[in-house]
């Protein structure tokens, strides 16, 4: 159980950090008129952080289901 909490905390920290960076890049791209390319990089970074978070949660949930099925077999 402790390893799942460690994985969730790591995914939460990394996803949150990348999300904050993406929001900053997106905001700079929106505020400054000359940096339209930064807006797309910001959107991509935000989507990447959400993807990283969802994959981490999926790994923890699938590990829990595998352990539950394995414990029922014994």
N, C-alpha and C. Protein backbone atom coordinates (compact mmCIF):
# COMPACT_ATOMS: atom_id res chain seq x y z
N UNK A 1 0.82 -1.19 0.00
CA UNK A 1 0.00 0.00 0.00
C UNK A 1 0.86 1.26 0.00
N UNK A 2 2.00 1.17 0.68
CA UNK A 2 2.86 2.35 0.76
C UNK A 2 3.47 2.70 -0.60
N UNK A 3 3.76 1.69 -1.41
CA UNK A 3 4.33 1.97 -2.73
C UNK A 3 3.32 2.69 -3.61
N UNK A 4 2.04 2.37 -3.46
CA UNK A 4 1.01 3.05 -4.25
C UNK A 4 0.92 4.52 -3.87
N UNK A 5 1.04 4.80 -2.59
CA UNK A 5 0.99 6.20 -2.13
C UNK A 5 2.20 6.96 -2.65
N UNK A 6 3.36 6.31 -2.65
CA UNK A 6 4.56 6.96 -3.18
C UNK A 6 4.42 7.27 -4.67
N UNK A 7 3.87 6.31 -5.41
CA UNK A 7 3.68 6.53 -6.85
C UNK A 7 2.68 7.65 -7.09
N UNK A 8 1.58 7.65 -6.34
CA UNK A 8 0.58 8.71 -6.50
C UNK A 8 1.14 10.08 -6.14
N UNK A 9 1.93 10.14 -5.07
CA UNK A 9 2.54 11.43 -4.70
C UNK A 9 3.52 11.91 -5.76
N UNK A 10 4.30 10.99 -6.31
CA UNK A 10 5.26 11.38 -7.35
C UNK A 10 4.53 11.86 -8.60
N UNK A 11 3.48 11.14 -9.00
CA UNK A 11 2.72 11.54 -10.18
C UNK A 11 2.04 12.88 -9.95
N UNK A 12 1.52 13.08 -8.74
CA UNK A 12 0.86 14.34 -8.41
C UNK A 12 1.84 15.50 -8.45
N UNK A 13 3.03 15.30 -7.91
CA UNK A 13 4.03 16.37 -7.88
C UNK A 13 4.53 16.70 -9.29
N UNK A 14 4.87 15.68 -10.05
CA UNK A 14 5.39 15.90 -11.41
C UNK A 14 4.31 16.49 -12.31
N UNK A 15 3.10 15.93 -12.23
CA UNK A 15 2.00 16.45 -13.04
C UNK A 15 1.65 17.89 -12.68
N UNK A 16 1.65 18.21 -11.40
CA UNK A 16 1.36 19.58 -10.97
C UNK A 16 2.43 20.56 -11.39
N UNK A 17 3.68 20.15 -11.31
CA UNK A 17 4.78 21.02 -11.73
C UNK A 17 4.71 21.31 -13.23
N UNK A 18 4.51 20.27 -14.02
CA UNK A 18 4.42 20.46 -15.47
C UNK A 18 3.18 21.26 -15.83
N UNK A 19 2.09 21.06 -15.09
CA UNK A 19 0.87 21.83 -15.33
C UNK A 19 1.11 23.31 -15.06
N UNK A 20 1.80 23.63 -13.97
CA UNK A 20 2.10 25.03 -13.66
C UNK A 20 2.98 25.66 -14.74
N UNK A 21 3.97 24.92 -15.20
CA UNK A 21 4.83 25.43 -16.27
C UNK A 21 4.02 25.65 -17.54
N UNK A 22 3.12 24.72 -17.85
CA UNK A 22 2.27 24.86 -19.03
C UNK A 22 1.35 26.06 -18.95
N UNK A 23 0.79 26.30 -17.77
CA UNK A 23 -0.09 27.46 -17.60
C UNK A 23 0.69 28.76 -17.76
N UNK A 24 1.91 28.79 -17.23
CA UNK A 24 2.75 29.99 -17.38
C UNK A 24 3.09 30.22 -18.85
N UNK A 25 3.49 29.17 -19.55
CA UNK A 25 3.82 29.32 -20.98
C UNK A 25 2.59 29.74 -21.77
N UNK A 26 1.44 29.14 -21.47
CA UNK A 26 0.20 29.49 -22.17
C UNK A 26 -0.18 30.95 -21.91
N UNK A 27 -0.04 31.38 -20.66
CA UNK A 27 -0.38 32.77 -20.31
C UNK A 27 0.54 33.76 -21.01
N UNK A 28 1.82 33.46 -21.06
CA UNK A 28 2.76 34.35 -21.76
C UNK A 28 2.40 34.41 -23.24
N UNK A 29 2.04 33.28 -23.82
CA UNK A 29 1.66 33.25 -25.23
C UNK A 29 0.39 34.04 -25.50
N UNK A 30 -0.54 34.05 -24.56
CA UNK A 30 -1.77 34.81 -24.75
C UNK A 30 -1.57 36.31 -24.55
N UNK A 31 -0.78 36.66 -23.55
CA UNK A 31 -0.60 38.08 -23.22
C UNK A 31 0.24 38.78 -24.27
N UNK A 32 1.32 38.15 -24.67
CA UNK A 32 2.20 38.76 -25.68
C UNK A 32 1.69 38.40 -27.07
N UNK A 33 1.50 39.38 -27.90
CA UNK A 33 0.95 39.15 -29.23
C UNK A 33 1.95 38.49 -30.18
N UNK A 34 3.23 38.69 -29.96
CA UNK A 34 4.24 38.16 -30.88
C UNK A 34 4.58 36.69 -30.62
N UNK A 35 4.10 36.12 -29.54
CA UNK A 35 4.49 34.77 -29.15
C UNK A 35 3.34 33.78 -29.34
N UNK A 36 2.81 33.69 -30.53
CA UNK A 36 1.70 32.77 -30.79
C UNK A 36 2.15 31.31 -30.71
N UNK A 37 3.42 31.07 -30.98
CA UNK A 37 3.95 29.71 -30.89
C UNK A 37 3.97 29.23 -29.44
N UNK A 38 4.19 30.15 -28.50
CA UNK A 38 4.20 29.76 -27.09
C UNK A 38 2.82 29.29 -26.62
N UNK A 39 1.77 29.83 -27.22
CA UNK A 39 0.43 29.39 -26.84
C UNK A 39 0.24 27.92 -27.16
N UNK A 40 0.68 27.51 -28.31
CA UNK A 40 0.55 26.09 -28.67
C UNK A 40 1.44 25.20 -27.80
N UNK A 41 2.64 25.68 -27.47
CA UNK A 41 3.51 24.92 -26.57
C UNK A 41 2.87 24.80 -25.19
N UNK A 42 2.23 25.87 -24.73
CA UNK A 42 1.56 25.84 -23.43
C UNK A 42 0.42 24.84 -23.41
N UNK A 43 -0.38 24.83 -24.48
CA UNK A 43 -1.49 23.87 -24.56
C UNK A 43 -0.95 22.44 -24.58
N UNK A 44 0.11 22.21 -25.33
CA UNK A 44 0.72 20.88 -25.38
C UNK A 44 1.28 20.45 -24.04
N UNK A 45 1.89 21.37 -23.32
CA UNK A 45 2.44 21.06 -22.01
C UNK A 45 1.33 20.73 -21.02
N UNK A 46 0.25 21.49 -21.07
CA UNK A 46 -0.89 21.22 -20.18
C UNK A 46 -1.49 19.85 -20.48
N UNK A 47 -1.67 19.55 -21.75
CA UNK A 47 -2.22 18.25 -22.12
C UNK A 47 -1.27 17.11 -21.72
N UNK A 48 0.03 17.35 -21.85
CA UNK A 48 1.01 16.35 -21.44
C UNK A 48 0.96 16.07 -19.95
N UNK A 49 0.80 17.12 -19.15
CA UNK A 49 0.74 16.92 -17.70
C UNK A 49 -0.51 16.15 -17.29
N UNK A 50 -1.62 16.45 -17.94
CA UNK A 50 -2.85 15.70 -17.66
C UNK A 50 -2.68 14.24 -18.06
N UNK A 51 -2.04 14.00 -19.20
CA UNK A 51 -1.79 12.64 -19.66
C UNK A 51 -0.89 11.88 -18.69
N UNK A 52 0.16 12.52 -18.20
CA UNK A 52 1.07 11.89 -17.23
C UNK A 52 0.31 11.53 -15.96
N UNK A 53 -0.54 12.44 -15.48
CA UNK A 53 -1.30 12.17 -14.26
C UNK A 53 -2.26 11.00 -14.46
N UNK A 54 -2.98 10.99 -15.57
CA UNK A 54 -3.94 9.92 -15.82
C UNK A 54 -3.26 8.56 -15.98
N UNK A 55 -2.12 8.53 -16.65
CA UNK A 55 -1.38 7.27 -16.80
C UNK A 55 -0.90 6.77 -15.44
N UNK A 56 -0.42 7.66 -14.58
CA UNK A 56 0.02 7.26 -13.24
C UNK A 56 -1.11 6.70 -12.41
N UNK A 57 -2.27 7.35 -12.46
CA UNK A 57 -3.43 6.85 -11.72
C UNK A 57 -3.88 5.50 -12.29
N UNK A 58 -3.82 5.36 -13.61
CA UNK A 58 -4.19 4.08 -14.23
C UNK A 58 -3.25 2.96 -13.78
N UNK A 59 -1.94 3.24 -13.70
CA UNK A 59 -0.99 2.22 -13.26
C UNK A 59 -1.28 1.79 -11.82
N UNK A 60 -1.58 2.74 -10.95
CA UNK A 60 -1.87 2.39 -9.56
C UNK A 60 -3.16 1.58 -9.47
N UNK A 61 -4.18 1.99 -10.22
CA UNK A 61 -5.46 1.26 -10.18
C UNK A 61 -5.31 -0.14 -10.76
N UNK A 62 -4.56 -0.28 -11.84
CA UNK A 62 -4.38 -1.61 -12.43
C UNK A 62 -3.54 -2.50 -11.52
N UNK A 63 -2.56 -1.93 -10.83
CA UNK A 63 -1.76 -2.72 -9.88
C UNK A 63 -2.64 -3.21 -8.74
N UNK A 64 -3.54 -2.37 -8.27
CA UNK A 64 -4.43 -2.77 -7.19
C UNK A 64 -5.38 -3.88 -7.64
N UNK A 65 -5.89 -3.78 -8.86
CA UNK A 65 -6.78 -4.83 -9.36
C UNK A 65 -6.05 -6.16 -9.55
N UNK A 66 -4.81 -6.10 -10.02
CA UNK A 66 -4.03 -7.33 -10.19
C UNK A 66 -3.76 -7.97 -8.84
N UNK A 67 -3.44 -7.17 -7.83
CA UNK A 67 -3.21 -7.72 -6.50
C UNK A 67 -4.48 -8.31 -5.92
N UNK A 68 -5.62 -7.68 -6.18
CA UNK A 68 -6.88 -8.20 -5.67
C UNK A 68 -7.22 -9.54 -6.33
N UNK A 69 -7.02 -9.64 -7.63
CA UNK A 69 -7.29 -10.90 -8.34
C UNK A 69 -6.31 -11.98 -7.89
N UNK A 70 -5.04 -11.61 -7.69
CA UNK A 70 -4.03 -12.58 -7.27
C UNK A 70 -4.33 -13.10 -5.86
N UNK A 71 -4.81 -12.22 -4.97
CA UNK A 71 -5.11 -12.66 -3.60
C UNK A 71 -6.36 -13.53 -3.56
N UNK A 72 -7.29 -13.38 -4.50
CA UNK A 72 -8.48 -14.23 -4.53
C UNK A 72 -8.15 -15.63 -5.03
N UNK A 73 -7.12 -15.74 -5.86
CA UNK A 73 -6.73 -17.05 -6.39
C UNK A 73 -6.12 -17.94 -5.32
N UNK A 74 -5.52 -17.37 -4.32
CA UNK A 74 -4.85 -18.18 -3.29
C UNK A 74 -5.77 -18.56 -2.18
